[in-house]
Amino acid sequence: MEKEKPIVILISKNLVFLPRIEAAAGSSLRVRRLTEPGRVDEVIGQSEVTTVLVDLEEDVDLWRPILKELKAHLVESRSSVSLVAYGPHEDENSMAEARAMGCEPVLAKGAFINQLKRLLHS
């Protein structure tokens, strides 16, 4: 039986960047979206998570609880995962909160798109 591909989790309801993220993921990774709290176990299952992408343009009341839930799941499974946040460069409050929650790097959208392939495959 073939092993499942590792997954990249995208915390976002916005589909604008999804095609770029999927293209950067290529054939070696699957992209799964998380759009509401309480679904982490359902979305991840037994899959290996390599990267979590947090869209800071989403309401903080959406991404904060999902990120907390994801981090708890990842600690429990002893997974080492890259937490990457991106959003408008002028949204300093959301960027600071994402850093405080363990996201690194936290990038403006343009830098995120420019570095996307490297972020997913490093």
PDB file of N, CA and C in Angstrom:
ATOM      1  N   MET A   1       0.839  -1.186   0.000  1.00  0.00           N
ATOM      2  CA  MET A   1       0.000   0.000   0.000  1.00  0.00           C
ATOM      3  C   MET A   1       0.882   1.247   0.000  1.00  0.00           C
ATOM      4  N   GLU A   2       0.555   2.194  -0.851  1.00  0.00           N
ATOM      5  CA  GLU A   2       1.344   3.404  -0.981  1.00  0.00           C
ATOM      6  C   GLU A   2       1.096   4.333   0.202  1.00  0.00           C
ATOM      7  N   LYS A   3       2.169   4.921   0.717  1.00  0.00           N
ATOM      8  CA  LYS A   3       2.073   5.855   1.837  1.00  0.00           C
ATOM      9  C   LYS A   3       1.393   7.146   1.375  1.00  0.00           C
ATOM     10  N   GLU A   4       0.528   7.696   2.249  1.00  0.00           N
ATOM     11  CA  GLU A   4      -0.137   8.959   1.932  1.00  0.00           C
ATOM     12  C   GLU A   4       0.881  10.082   1.868  1.00  0.00           C
ATOM     13  N   LYS A   5       0.628  11.029   0.988  1.00  0.00           N
ATOM     14  CA  LYS A   5       1.497  12.198   0.884  1.00  0.00           C
ATOM     15  C   LYS A   5       1.331  13.058   2.130  1.00  0.00           C
ATOM     16  N   PRO A   6       2.410  13.695   2.585  1.00  0.00           N
ATOM     17  CA  PRO A   6       2.292  14.648   3.691  1.00  0.00           C
ATOM     18  C   PRO A   6       1.362  15.798   3.284  1.00  0.00           C
ATOM     19  N   ILE A   7       0.833  16.486   4.287  1.00  0.00           N
ATOM     20  CA  ILE A   7      -0.108  17.560   3.975  1.00  0.00           C
ATOM     21  C   ILE A   7       0.373  18.915   4.470  1.00  0.00           C
ATOM     22  N   VAL A   8      -0.092  19.925   3.754  1.00  0.00           N
ATOM     23  CA  VAL A   8       0.054  21.324   4.126  1.00  0.00           C
ATOM     24  C   VAL A   8      -1.338  21.772   4.546  1.00  0.00           C
ATOM     25  N   ILE A   9      -1.448  22.352   5.730  1.00  0.00           N
ATOM     26  CA  ILE A   9      -2.735  22.862   6.211  1.00  0.00           C
ATOM     27  C   ILE A   9      -2.815  24.350   5.899  1.00  0.00           C
ATOM     28  N   LEU A  10      -3.895  24.770   5.279  1.00  0.00           N
ATOM     29  CA  LEU A  10      -4.157  26.180   5.006  1.00  0.00           C
ATOM     30  C   LEU A  10      -5.337  26.614   5.860  1.00  0.00           C
ATOM     31  N   ILE A  11      -5.102  27.561   6.758  1.00  0.00           N
ATOM     32  CA  ILE A  11      -6.183  28.120   7.571  1.00  0.00           C
ATOM     33  C   ILE A  11      -6.678  29.367   6.845  1.00  0.00           C
ATOM     34  N   SER A  12      -7.735  29.191   6.065  1.00  0.00           N
ATOM     35  CA  SER A  12      -8.272  30.295   5.275  1.00  0.00           C
ATOM     36  C   SER A  12      -9.571  29.873   4.605  1.00  0.00           C
ATOM     37  N   LYS A  13     -10.512  30.808   4.541  1.00  0.00           N
ATOM     38  CA  LYS A  13     -11.723  30.603   3.748  1.00  0.00           C
ATOM     39  C   LYS A  13     -11.541  31.194   2.354  1.00  0.00           C
ATOM     40  N   ASN A  14     -10.539  32.060   2.215  1.00  0.00           N
ATOM     41  CA  ASN A  14     -10.264  32.747   0.963  1.00  0.00           C
ATOM     42  C   ASN A  14      -9.568  31.794  -0.009  1.00  0.00           C
ATOM     43  N   LEU A  15     -10.094  31.688  -1.204  1.00  0.00           N
ATOM     44  CA  LEU A  15      -9.542  30.761  -2.197  1.00  0.00           C
ATOM     45  C   LEU A  15      -8.538  31.409  -3.153  1.00  0.00           C
ATOM     46  N   VAL A  16      -8.262  32.697  -2.983  1.00  0.00           N
ATOM     47  CA  VAL A  16      -7.418  33.424  -3.930  1.00  0.00           C
ATOM     48  C   VAL A  16      -6.037  32.793  -4.080  1.00  0.00           C
ATOM     49  N   PHE A  17      -5.378  32.450  -2.980  1.00  0.00           N
ATOM     50  CA  PHE A  17      -4.022  31.904  -3.043  1.00  0.00           C
ATOM     51  C   PHE A  17      -3.990  30.382  -3.196  1.00  0.00           C
ATOM     52  N   LEU A  18      -5.131  29.726  -3.085  1.00  0.00           N
ATOM     53  CA  LEU A  18      -5.146  28.260  -3.119  1.00  0.00           C
ATOM     54  C   LEU A  18      -4.484  27.674  -4.374  1.00  0.00           C
ATOM     55  N   PRO A  19      -4.778  28.164  -5.583  1.00  0.00           N
ATOM     56  CA  PRO A  19      -4.106  27.582  -6.761  1.00  0.00           C
ATOM     57  C   PRO A  19      -2.582  27.732  -6.712  1.00  0.00           C
ATOM     58  N   ARG A  20      -2.101  28.871  -6.217  1.00  0.00           N
ATOM     59  CA  ARG A  20      -0.649  29.070  -6.112  1.00  0.00           C
ATOM     60  C   ARG A  20      -0.044  28.135  -5.078  1.00  0.00           C
ATOM     61  N   ILE A  21      -0.751  27.960  -3.974  1.00  0.00           N
ATOM     62  CA  ILE A  21      -0.257  27.066  -2.924  1.00  0.00           C
ATOM     63  C   ILE A  21      -0.225  25.631  -3.442  1.00  0.00           C
ATOM     64  N   GLU A  22      -1.288  25.216  -4.113  1.00  0.00           N
ATOM     65  CA  GLU A  22      -1.321  23.858  -4.671  1.00  0.00           C
ATOM     66  C   GLU A  22      -0.233  23.655  -5.721  1.00  0.00           C
ATOM     67  N   ALA A  23       0.000  24.666  -6.554  1.00  0.00           N
ATOM     68  CA  ALA A  23       1.058  24.553  -7.566  1.00  0.00           C
ATOM     69  C   ALA A  23       2.429  24.450  -6.902  1.00  0.00           C
ATOM     70  N   ALA A  24       2.661  25.246  -5.861  1.00  0.00           N
ATOM     71  CA  ALA A  24       3.946  25.194  -5.155  1.00  0.00           C
ATOM     72  C   ALA A  24       4.117  23.867  -4.421  1.00  0.00           C
ATOM     73  N   ALA A  25       3.024  23.309  -3.931  1.00  0.00           N
ATOM     74  CA  ALA A  25       3.085  22.017  -3.231  1.00  0.00           C
ATOM     75  C   ALA A  25       3.488  20.908  -4.189  1.00  0.00           C
ATOM     76  N   GLY A  26       3.080  21.037  -5.435  1.00  0.00           N
ATOM     77  CA  GLY A  26       3.442  20.041  -6.435  1.00  0.00           C
ATOM     78  C   GLY A  26       2.821  18.689  -6.143  1.00  0.00           C
ATOM     79  N   SER A  27       3.433  17.663  -6.672  1.00  0.00           N
ATOM     80  CA  SER A  27       2.873  16.316  -6.538  1.00  0.00           C
ATOM     81  C   SER A  27       3.308  15.617  -5.253  1.00  0.00           C
ATOM     82  N   SER A  28       4.210  16.242  -4.498  1.00  0.00           N
ATOM     83  CA  SER A  28       4.721  15.567  -3.300  1.00  0.00           C
ATOM     84  C   SER A  28       3.948  15.904  -2.026  1.00  0.00           C
ATOM     85  N   LEU A  29       3.079  16.920  -2.080  1.00  0.00           N
ATOM     86  CA  LEU A  29       2.310  17.340  -0.903  1.00  0.00           C
ATOM     87  C   LEU A  29       0.836  17.496  -1.271  1.00  0.00           C
ATOM     88  N   ARG A  30      -0.030  17.291  -0.276  1.00  0.00           N
ATOM     89  CA  ARG A  30      -1.461  17.575  -0.436  1.00  0.00           C
ATOM     90  C   ARG A  30      -1.773  18.831   0.363  1.00  0.00           C
ATOM     91  N   VAL A  31      -2.652  19.668  -0.142  1.00  0.00           N
ATOM     92  CA  VAL A  31      -3.083  20.870   0.567  1.00  0.00           C
ATOM     93  C   VAL A  31      -4.487  20.625   1.091  1.00  0.00           C
ATOM     94  N   ARG A  32      -4.673  20.841   2.397  1.00  0.00           N
ATOM     95  CA  ARG A  32      -5.995  20.687   3.030  1.00  0.00           C
ATOM     96  C   ARG A  32      -6.334  21.995   3.723  1.00  0.00           C
ATOM     97  N   ARG A  33      -7.566  22.455   3.546  1.00  0.00           N
ATOM     98  CA  ARG A  33      -8.001  23.698   4.194  1.00  0.00           C
ATOM     99  C   ARG A  33      -8.714  23.399   5.499  1.00  0.00           C
ATOM    100  N   LEU A  34      -8.456  24.245   6.483  1.00  0.00           N
ATOM    101  CA  LEU A  34      -9.197  24.228   7.741  1.00  0.00           C
ATOM    102  C   LEU A  34      -9.918  25.562   7.826  1.00  0.00           C
ATOM    103  N   THR A  35     -11.238  25.526   7.896  1.00  0.00           N
ATOM    104  CA  THR A  35     -12.014  26.765   7.854  1.00  0.00           C
ATOM    105  C   THR A  35     -12.900  26.963   9.071  1.00  0.00           C
ATOM    106  N   GLU A  36     -12.819  26.037  10.019  1.00  0.00           N
ATOM    107  CA  GLU A  36     -13.599  26.199  11.248  1.00  0.00           C
ATOM    108  C   GLU A  36     -12.951  25.394  12.365  1.00  0.00           C
ATOM    109  N   PRO A  37     -13.045  25.906  13.594  1.00  0.00           N
ATOM    110  CA  PRO A  37     -12.499  25.165  14.740  1.00  0.00           C
ATOM    111  C   PRO A  37     -13.232  23.838  14.928  1.00  0.00           C
ATOM    112  N   GLY A  38     -12.568  22.903  15.583  1.00  0.00           N
ATOM    113  CA  GLY A  38     -13.191  21.634  15.918  1.00  0.00           C
ATOM    114  C   GLY A  38     -13.061  20.561  14.851  1.00  0.00           C
ATOM    115  N   ARG A  39     -12.324  20.833  13.777  1.00  0.00           N
ATOM    116  CA  ARG A  39     -12.222  19.863  12.684  1.00  0.00           C
ATOM    117  C   ARG A  39     -10.797  19.368  12.452  1.00  0.00           C
ATOM    118  N   VAL A  40      -9.882  19.706  13.345  1.00  0.00           N
ATOM    119  CA  VAL A  40      -8.477  19.353  13.135  1.00  0.00           C
ATOM    120  C   VAL A  40      -8.294  17.853  12.960  1.00  0.00           C
ATOM    121  N   ASP A  41      -8.811  17.055  13.884  1.00  0.00           N
ATOM    122  CA  ASP A  41      -8.632  15.601  13.785  1.00  0.00           C
ATOM    123  C   ASP A  41      -9.242  15.045  12.503  1.00  0.00           C
ATOM    124  N   GLU A  42     -10.401  15.568  12.130  1.00  0.00           N
ATOM    125  CA  GLU A  42     -11.085  15.111  10.914  1.00  0.00           C
ATOM    126  C   GLU A  42     -10.262  15.429   9.660  1.00  0.00           C
ATOM    127  N   VAL A  43      -9.687  16.618   9.596  1.00  0.00           N
ATOM    128  CA  VAL A  43      -8.941  17.043   8.410  1.00  0.00           C
ATOM    129  C   VAL A  43      -7.576  16.371   8.334  1.00  0.00           C
ATOM    130  N   ILE A  44      -6.908  16.251   9.470  1.00  0.00           N
ATOM    131  CA  ILE A  44      -5.554  15.690   9.471  1.00  0.00           C
ATOM    132  C   ILE A  44      -5.568  14.172   9.480  1.00  0.00           C
ATOM    133  N   GLY A  45      -6.417  13.583  10.298  1.00  0.00           N
ATOM    134  CA  GLY A  45      -6.417  12.127  10.430  1.00  0.00           C
ATOM    135  C   GLY A  45      -5.061  11.649  10.907  1.00  0.00           C
ATOM    136  N   GLN A  46      -4.505  10.652  10.249  1.00  0.00           N
ATOM    137  CA  GLN A  46      -3.195  10.108  10.607  1.00  0.00           C
ATOM    138  C   GLN A  46      -2.089  10.654   9.701  1.00  0.00           C
ATOM    139  N   SER A  47      -2.401  11.655   8.903  1.00  0.00           N
ATOM    140  CA  SER A  47      -1.437  12.185   7.943  1.00  0.00           C
ATOM    141  C   SER A  47      -0.317  12.956   8.626  1.00  0.00           C
ATOM    142  N   GLU A  48       0.821  12.966   7.974  1.00  0.00           N
ATOM    143  CA  GLU A  48       1.951  13.778   8.424  1.00  0.00           C
ATOM    144  C   GLU A  48       1.730  15.206   7.930  1.00  0.00           C
ATOM    145  N   VAL A  49       1.802  16.174   8.848  1.00  0.00           N
ATOM    146  CA  VAL A  49       1.671  17.587   8.497  1.00  0.00           C
ATOM    147  C   VAL A  49       3.075  18.177   8.417  1.00  0.00           C
ATOM    148  N   THR A  50       3.386  18.848   7.316  1.00  0.00           N
ATOM    149  CA  THR A  50       4.708  19.461   7.174  1.00  0.00           C
ATOM    150  C   THR A  50       4.689  20.949   7.460  1.00  0.00           C
ATOM    151  N   THR A  51       3.603  21.615   7.042  1.00  0.00           N
ATOM    152  CA  THR A  51       3.532  23.072   7.134  1.00  0.00           C
ATOM    153  C   THR A  51       2.095  23.492   7.412  1.00  0.00           C
ATOM    154  N   VAL A  52       1.958  24.536   8.236  1.00  0.00           N
ATOM    155  CA  VAL A  52       0.659  25.166   8.459  1.00  0.00           C
ATOM    156  C   VAL A  52       0.773  26.598   7.951  1.00  0.00           C
ATOM    157  N   LEU A  53      -0.132  26.986   7.063  1.00  0.00           N
ATOM    158  CA  LEU A  53      -0.180  28.339   6.516  1.00  0.00           C
ATOM    159  C   LEU A  53      -1.383  29.054   7.110  1.00  0.00           C
ATOM    160  N   VAL A  54      -1.146  30.222   7.714  1.00  0.00           N
ATOM    161  CA  VAL A  54      -2.205  30.976   8.383  1.00  0.00           C
ATOM    162  C   VAL A  54      -2.438  32.280   7.624  1.00  0.00           C
ATOM    163  N   ASP A  55      -3.635  32.438   7.083  1.00  0.00           N
ATOM    164  CA  ASP A  55      -4.021  33.653   6.361  1.00  0.00           C
ATOM    165  C   ASP A  55      -4.512  34.675   7.378  1.00  0.00           C
ATOM    166  N   LEU A  56      -3.706  35.712   7.615  1.00  0.00           N
ATOM    167  CA  LEU A  56      -4.042  36.713   8.624  1.00  0.00           C
ATOM    168  C   LEU A  56      -5.118  37.688   8.163  1.00  0.00           C
ATOM    169  N   GLU A  57      -5.540  37.602   6.907  1.00  0.00           N
ATOM    170  CA  GLU A  57      -6.666  38.426   6.457  1.00  0.00           C
ATOM    171  C   GLU A  57      -7.984  37.866   6.966  1.00  0.00           C
ATOM    172  N   GLU A  58      -7.970  36.619   7.392  1.00  0.00           N
ATOM    173  CA  GLU A  58      -9.163  36.040   8.013  1.00  0.00           C
ATOM    174  C   GLU A  58      -9.377  36.693   9.377  1.00  0.00           C
ATOM    175  N   ASP A  59     -10.591  36.636   9.853  1.00  0.00           N
ATOM    176  CA  ASP A  59     -10.920  37.141  11.181  1.00  0.00           C
ATOM    177  C   ASP A  59     -10.089  36.390  12.217  1.00  0.00           C
ATOM    178  N   VAL A  60      -9.497  37.130  13.141  1.00  0.00           N
ATOM    179  CA  VAL A  60      -8.671  36.514  14.182  1.00  0.00           C
ATOM    180  C   VAL A  60      -9.472  35.479  14.968  1.00  0.00           C
ATOM    181  N   ASP A  61     -10.785  35.684  15.072  1.00  0.00           N
ATOM    182  CA  ASP A  61     -11.627  34.714  15.778  1.00  0.00           C
ATOM    183  C   ASP A  61     -11.781  33.411  14.998  1.00  0.00           C
ATOM    184  N   LEU A  62     -11.357  33.387  13.749  1.00  0.00           N
ATOM    185  CA  LEU A  62     -11.313  32.146  12.977  1.00  0.00           C
ATOM    186  C   LEU A  62      -9.954  31.477  13.151  1.00  0.00           C
ATOM    187  N   TRP A  63      -8.873  32.200  12.835  1.00  0.00           N
ATOM    188  CA  TRP A  63      -7.570  31.529  12.804  1.00  0.00           C
ATOM    189  C   TRP A  63      -6.975  31.259  14.181  1.00  0.00           C
ATOM    190  N   ARG A  64      -7.253  32.106  15.172  1.00  0.00           N
ATOM    191  CA  ARG A  64      -6.669  31.890  16.506  1.00  0.00           C
ATOM    192  C   ARG A  64      -7.095  30.545  17.106  1.00  0.00           C
ATOM    193  N   PRO A  65      -8.407  30.225  17.188  1.00  0.00           N
ATOM    194  CA  PRO A  65      -8.779  28.935  17.786  1.00  0.00           C
ATOM    195  C   PRO A  65      -8.327  27.729  16.958  1.00  0.00           C
ATOM    196  N   ILE A  66      -8.327  27.863  15.638  1.00  0.00           N
ATOM    197  CA  ILE A  66      -7.858  26.747  14.807  1.00  0.00           C
ATOM    198  C   ILE A  66      -6.372  26.519  15.040  1.00  0.00           C
ATOM    199  N   LEU A  67      -5.597  27.603  15.099  1.00  0.00           N
ATOM    200  CA  LEU A  67      -4.157  27.464  15.321  1.00  0.00           C
ATOM    201  C   LEU A  67      -3.869  26.863  16.694  1.00  0.00           C
ATOM    202  N   LYS A  68      -4.611  27.284  17.715  1.00  0.00           N
ATOM    203  CA  LYS A  68      -4.434  26.693  19.057  1.00  0.00           C
ATOM    204  C   LYS A  68      -4.728  25.195  19.030  1.00  0.00           C
ATOM    205  N   GLU A  69      -5.815  24.835  18.381  1.00  0.00           N
ATOM    206  CA  GLU A  69      -6.206  23.426  18.288  1.00  0.00           C
ATOM    207  C   GLU A  69      -5.158  22.617  17.514  1.00  0.00           C
ATOM    208  N   LEU A  70      -4.681  23.179  16.425  1.00  0.00           N
ATOM    209  CA  LEU A  70      -3.652  22.513  15.624  1.00  0.00           C
ATOM    210  C   LEU A  70      -2.372  22.311  16.427  1.00  0.00           C
ATOM    211  N   LYS A  71      -1.951  23.353  17.130  1.00  0.00           N
ATOM    212  CA  LYS A  71      -0.722  23.250  17.920  1.00  0.00           C
ATOM    213  C   LYS A  71      -0.851  22.168  18.980  1.00  0.00           C
ATOM    214  N   ALA A  72      -2.003  22.076  19.631  1.00  0.00           N
ATOM    215  CA  ALA A  72      -2.222  21.031  20.638  1.00  0.00           C
ATOM    216  C   ALA A  72      -2.147  19.652  19.991  1.00  0.00           C
ATOM    217  N   HIS A  73      -2.744  19.497  18.831  1.00  0.00           N
ATOM    218  CA  HIS A  73      -2.708  18.223  18.101  1.00  0.00           C
ATOM    219  C   HIS A  73      -1.268  17.859  17.740  1.00  0.00           C
ATOM    220  N   LEU A  74      -0.522  18.841  17.274  1.00  0.00           N
ATOM    221  CA  LEU A  74       0.848  18.586  16.834  1.00  0.00           C
ATOM    222  C   LEU A  74       1.764  18.259  18.006  1.00  0.00           C
ATOM    223  N   VAL A  75       1.556  18.909  19.149  1.00  0.00           N
ATOM    224  CA  VAL A  75       2.343  18.591  20.349  1.00  0.00           C
ATOM    225  C   VAL A  75       2.047  17.164  20.781  1.00  0.00           C
ATOM    226  N   GLU A  76       0.761  16.811  20.772  1.00  0.00           N
ATOM    227  CA  GLU A  76       0.343  15.464  21.163  1.00  0.00           C
ATOM    228  C   GLU A  76       0.961  14.403  20.250  1.00  0.00           C
ATOM    229  N   SER A  77       1.060  14.720  18.967  1.00  0.00           N
ATOM    230  CA  SER A  77       1.623  13.751  18.021  1.00  0.00           C
ATOM    231  C   SER A  77       3.139  13.899  17.868  1.00  0.00           C
ATOM    232  N   ARG A  78       3.720  14.810  18.644  1.00  0.00           N
ATOM    233  CA  ARG A  78       5.168  15.066  18.633  1.00  0.00           C
ATOM    234  C   ARG A  78       5.686  15.418  17.236  1.00  0.00           C
ATOM    235  N   SER A  79       4.889  16.158  16.513  1.00  0.00           N
ATOM    236  CA  SER A  79       5.265  16.549  15.155  1.00  0.00           C
ATOM    237  C   SER A  79       6.028  17.868  15.164  1.00  0.00           C
ATOM    238  N   SER A  80       7.018  17.951  14.323  1.00  0.00           N
ATOM    239  CA  SER A  80       7.750  19.194  14.111  1.00  0.00           C
ATOM    240  C   SER A  80       7.237  19.796  12.810  1.00  0.00           C
ATOM    241  N   VAL A  81       6.555  20.919  12.934  1.00  0.00           N
ATOM    242  CA  VAL A  81       5.857  21.504  11.796  1.00  0.00           C
ATOM    243  C   VAL A  81       6.217  22.977  11.682  1.00  0.00           C
ATOM    244  N   SER A  82       6.347  23.440  10.461  1.00  0.00           N
ATOM    245  CA  SER A  82       6.600  24.850  10.202  1.00  0.00           C
ATOM    246  C   SER A  82       5.270  25.606  10.229  1.00  0.00           C
ATOM    247  N   LEU A  83       5.180  26.648  11.065  1.00  0.00           N
ATOM    248  CA  LEU A  83       3.986  27.486  11.149  1.00  0.00           C
ATOM    249  C   LEU A  83       4.293  28.804  10.452  1.00  0.00           C
ATOM    250  N   VAL A  84       3.634  29.064   9.341  1.00  0.00           N
ATOM    251  CA  VAL A  84       3.891  30.246   8.523  1.00  0.00           C
ATOM    252  C   VAL A  84       2.617  31.078   8.460  1.00  0.00           C
ATOM    253  N   ALA A  85       2.737  32.382   8.757  1.00  0.00           N
ATOM    254  CA  ALA A  85       1.586  33.277   8.656  1.00  0.00           C
ATOM    255  C   ALA A  85       1.870  34.329   7.591  1.00  0.00           C
ATOM    256  N   TYR A  86       0.815  34.760   6.917  1.00  0.00           N
ATOM    257  CA  TYR A  86       0.963  35.804   5.903  1.00  0.00           C
ATOM    258  C   TYR A  86      -0.272  36.689   5.911  1.00  0.00           C
ATOM    259  N   GLY A  87      -0.068  37.953   5.559  1.00  0.00           N
ATOM    260  CA  GLY A  87      -1.185  38.878   5.517  1.00  0.00           C
ATOM    261  C   GLY A  87      -0.747  40.241   5.035  1.00  0.00           C
ATOM    262  N   PRO A  88      -1.644  41.209   5.131  1.00  0.00           N
ATOM    263  CA  PRO A  88      -1.319  42.565   4.700  1.00  0.00           C
ATOM    264  C   PRO A  88      -0.187  43.138   5.564  1.00  0.00           C
ATOM    265  N   HIS A  89       0.778  43.778   4.919  1.00  0.00           N
ATOM    266  CA  HIS A  89       1.932  44.285   5.664  1.00  0.00           C
ATOM    267  C   HIS A  89       1.549  45.330   6.705  1.00  0.00           C
ATOM    268  N   GLU A  90       0.417  45.995   6.524  1.00  0.00           N
ATOM    269  CA  GLU A  90       0.019  47.032   7.477  1.00  0.00           C
ATOM    270  C   GLU A  90      -0.718  46.472   8.701  1.00  0.00           C
ATOM    271  N   ASP A  91      -1.029  45.199   8.707  1.00  0.00           N
ATOM    272  CA  ASP A  91      -1.760  44.591   9.830  1.00  0.00           C
ATOM    273  C   ASP A  91      -0.775  44.097  10.894  1.00  0.00           C
ATOM    274  N   GLU A  92      -0.138  45.050  11.545  1.00  0.00           N
ATOM    275  CA  GLU A  92       0.908  44.727  12.518  1.00  0.00           C
ATOM    276  C   GLU A  92       0.371  43.957  13.725  1.00  0.00           C
ATOM    277  N   ASN A  93      -0.872  44.231  14.130  1.00  0.00           N
ATOM    278  CA  ASN A  93      -1.435  43.535  15.294  1.00  0.00           C
ATOM    279  C   ASN A  93      -1.587  42.036  15.040  1.00  0.00           C
ATOM    280  N   SER A  94      -2.163  41.682  13.893  1.00  0.00           N
ATOM    281  CA  SER A  94      -2.321  40.256  13.577  1.00  0.00           C
ATOM    282  C   SER A  94      -0.968  39.584  13.405  1.00  0.00           C
ATOM    283  N   MET A  95      -0.033  40.285  12.786  1.00  0.00           N
ATOM    284  CA  MET A  95       1.305  39.712  12.598  1.00  0.00           C
ATOM    285  C   MET A  95       1.981  39.465  13.943  1.00  0.00           C
ATOM    286  N   ALA A  96       1.838  40.415  14.864  1.00  0.00           N
ATOM    287  CA  ALA A  96       2.429  40.248  16.196  1.00  0.00           C
ATOM    288  C   ALA A  96       1.768  39.088  16.937  1.00  0.00           C
ATOM    289  N   GLU A  97       0.456  38.971  16.829  1.00  0.00           N
ATOM    290  CA  GLU A  97      -0.234  37.863  17.498  1.00  0.00           C
ATOM    291  C   GLU A  97       0.182  36.516  16.912  1.00  0.00           C
ATOM    292  N   ALA A  98       0.316  36.453  15.598  1.00  0.00           N
ATOM    293  CA  ALA A  98       0.754  35.206  14.959  1.00  0.00           C
ATOM    294  C   ALA A  98       2.152  34.820  15.448  1.00  0.00           C
ATOM    295  N   ARG A  99       3.049  35.794  15.559  1.00  0.00           N
ATOM    296  CA  ARG A  99       4.397  35.512  16.089  1.00  0.00           C
ATOM    297  C   ARG A  99       4.308  34.997  17.520  1.00  0.00           C
ATOM    298  N   ALA A 100       3.466  35.646  18.321  1.00  0.00           N
ATOM    299  CA  ALA A 100       3.313  35.241  19.725  1.00  0.00           C
ATOM    300  C   ALA A 100       2.766  33.823  19.835  1.00  0.00           C
ATOM    301  N   MET A 101       2.022  33.377  18.829  1.00  0.00           N
ATOM    302  CA  MET A 101       1.464  32.022  18.835  1.00  0.00           C
ATOM    303  C   MET A 101       2.410  31.004  18.200  1.00  0.00           C
ATOM    304  N   GLY A 102       3.614  31.450  17.835  1.00  0.00           N
ATOM    305  CA  GLY A 102       4.626  30.518  17.349  1.00  0.00           C
ATOM    306  C   GLY A 102       4.848  30.490  15.853  1.00  0.00           C
ATOM    307  N   CYS A 103       4.169  31.363  15.113  1.00  0.00           N
ATOM    308  CA  CYS A 103       4.391  31.395  13.663  1.00  0.00           C
ATOM    309  C   CYS A 103       5.721  32.073  13.354  1.00  0.00           C
ATOM    310  N   GLU A 104       6.480  31.442  12.501  1.00  0.00           N
ATOM    311  CA  GLU A 104       7.762  31.990  12.051  1.00  0.00           C
ATOM    312  C   GLU A 104       8.136  31.278  10.767  1.00  0.00           C
ATOM    313  N   PRO A 105       8.169  31.963   9.680  1.00  0.00           N
ATOM    314  CA  PRO A 105       8.101  33.407   9.521  1.00  0.00           C
ATOM    315  C   PRO A 105       6.657  33.927   9.471  1.00  0.00           C
ATOM    316  N   VAL A 106       6.548  35.241   9.671  1.00  0.00           N
ATOM    317  CA  VAL A 106       5.295  35.971   9.467  1.00  0.00           C
ATOM    318  C   VAL A 106       5.602  36.972   8.358  1.00  0.00           C
ATOM    319  N   LEU A 107       4.903  36.840   7.248  1.00  0.00           N
ATOM    320  CA  LEU A 107       5.275  37.558   6.028  1.00  0.00           C
ATOM    321  C   LEU A 107       4.139  38.401   5.466  1.00  0.00           C
ATOM    322  N   ALA A 108       4.523  39.487   4.797  1.00  0.00           N
ATOM    323  CA  ALA A 108       3.566  40.220   3.974  1.00  0.00           C
ATOM    324  C   ALA A 108       3.193  39.315   2.797  1.00  0.00           C
ATOM    325  N   LYS A 109       2.019  39.527   2.231  1.00  0.00           N
ATOM    326  CA  LYS A 109       1.525  38.639   1.166  1.00  0.00           C
ATOM    327  C   LYS A 109       2.494  38.507  -0.007  1.00  0.00           C
ATOM    328  N   GLY A 110       3.093  39.604  -0.438  1.00  0.00           N
ATOM    329  CA  GLY A 110       4.015  39.551  -1.574  1.00  0.00           C
ATOM    330  C   GLY A 110       5.222  38.670  -1.284  1.00  0.00           C
ATOM    331  N   ALA A 111       5.799  38.837  -0.106  1.00  0.00           N
ATOM    332  CA  ALA A 111       6.950  38.011   0.284  1.00  0.00           C
ATOM    333  C   ALA A 111       6.537  36.548   0.412  1.00  0.00           C
ATOM    334  N   PHE A 112       5.341  36.311   0.925  1.00  0.00           N
ATOM    335  CA  PHE A 112       4.833  34.945   1.058  1.00  0.00           C
ATOM    336  C   PHE A 112       4.768  34.258  -0.307  1.00  0.00           C
ATOM    337  N   ILE A 113       4.180  34.925  -1.285  1.00  0.00           N
ATOM    338  CA  ILE A 113       4.058  34.340  -2.624  1.00  0.00           C
ATOM    339  C   ILE A 113       5.441  34.099  -3.228  1.00  0.00           C
ATOM    340  N   ASN A 114       6.349  35.066  -3.057  1.00  0.00           N
ATOM    341  CA  ASN A 114       7.696  34.920  -3.620  1.00  0.00           C
ATOM    342  C   ASN A 114       8.469  33.754  -3.004  1.00  0.00           C
ATOM    343  N   GLN A 115       8.213  33.448  -1.740  1.00  0.00           N
ATOM    344  CA  GLN A 115       8.964  32.407  -1.028  1.00  0.00           C
ATOM    345  C   GLN A 115       8.201  31.092  -0.895  1.00  0.00           C
ATOM    346  N   LEU A 116       7.006  31.029  -1.450  1.00  0.00           N
ATOM    347  CA  LEU A 116       6.091  29.917  -1.194  1.00  0.00           C
ATOM    348  C   LEU A 116       6.700  28.540  -1.460  1.00  0.00           C
ATOM    349  N   LYS A 117       7.292  28.348  -2.602  1.00  0.00           N
ATOM    350  CA  LYS A 117       7.836  27.024  -2.934  1.00  0.00           C
ATOM    351  C   LYS A 117       8.917  26.618  -1.929  1.00  0.00           C
ATOM    352  N   ARG A 118       9.799  27.542  -1.592  1.00  0.00           N
ATOM    353  CA  ARG A 118      10.853  27.251  -0.614  1.00  0.00           C
ATOM    354  C   ARG A 118      10.250  26.944   0.758  1.00  0.00           C
ATOM    355  N   LEU A 119       9.227  27.697   1.152  1.00  0.00           N
ATOM    356  CA  LEU A 119       8.591  27.480   2.454  1.00  0.00           C
ATOM    357  C   LEU A 119       7.977  26.082   2.555  1.00  0.00           C
ATOM    358  N   LEU A 120       7.403  25.602   1.475  1.00  0.00           N
ATOM    359  CA  LEU A 120       6.732  24.303   1.501  1.00  0.00           C
ATOM    360  C   LEU A 120       7.694  23.127   1.377  1.00  0.00           C
ATOM    361  N   HIS A 121       8.860  23.359   0.808  1.00  0.00           N
ATOM    362  CA  HIS A 121       9.768  22.244   0.521  1.00  0.00           C
ATOM    363  C   HIS A 121      11.088  22.318   1.276  1.00  0.00           C
ATOM    364  N   SER A 122      11.147  23.113   2.338  1.00  0.00           N
ATOM    365  CA  SER A 122      12.414  23.170   3.085  1.00  0.00           C
ATOM    366  C   SER A 122      12.311  22.449   4.402  1.00  0.00           C
TER     367      SER A 122
END
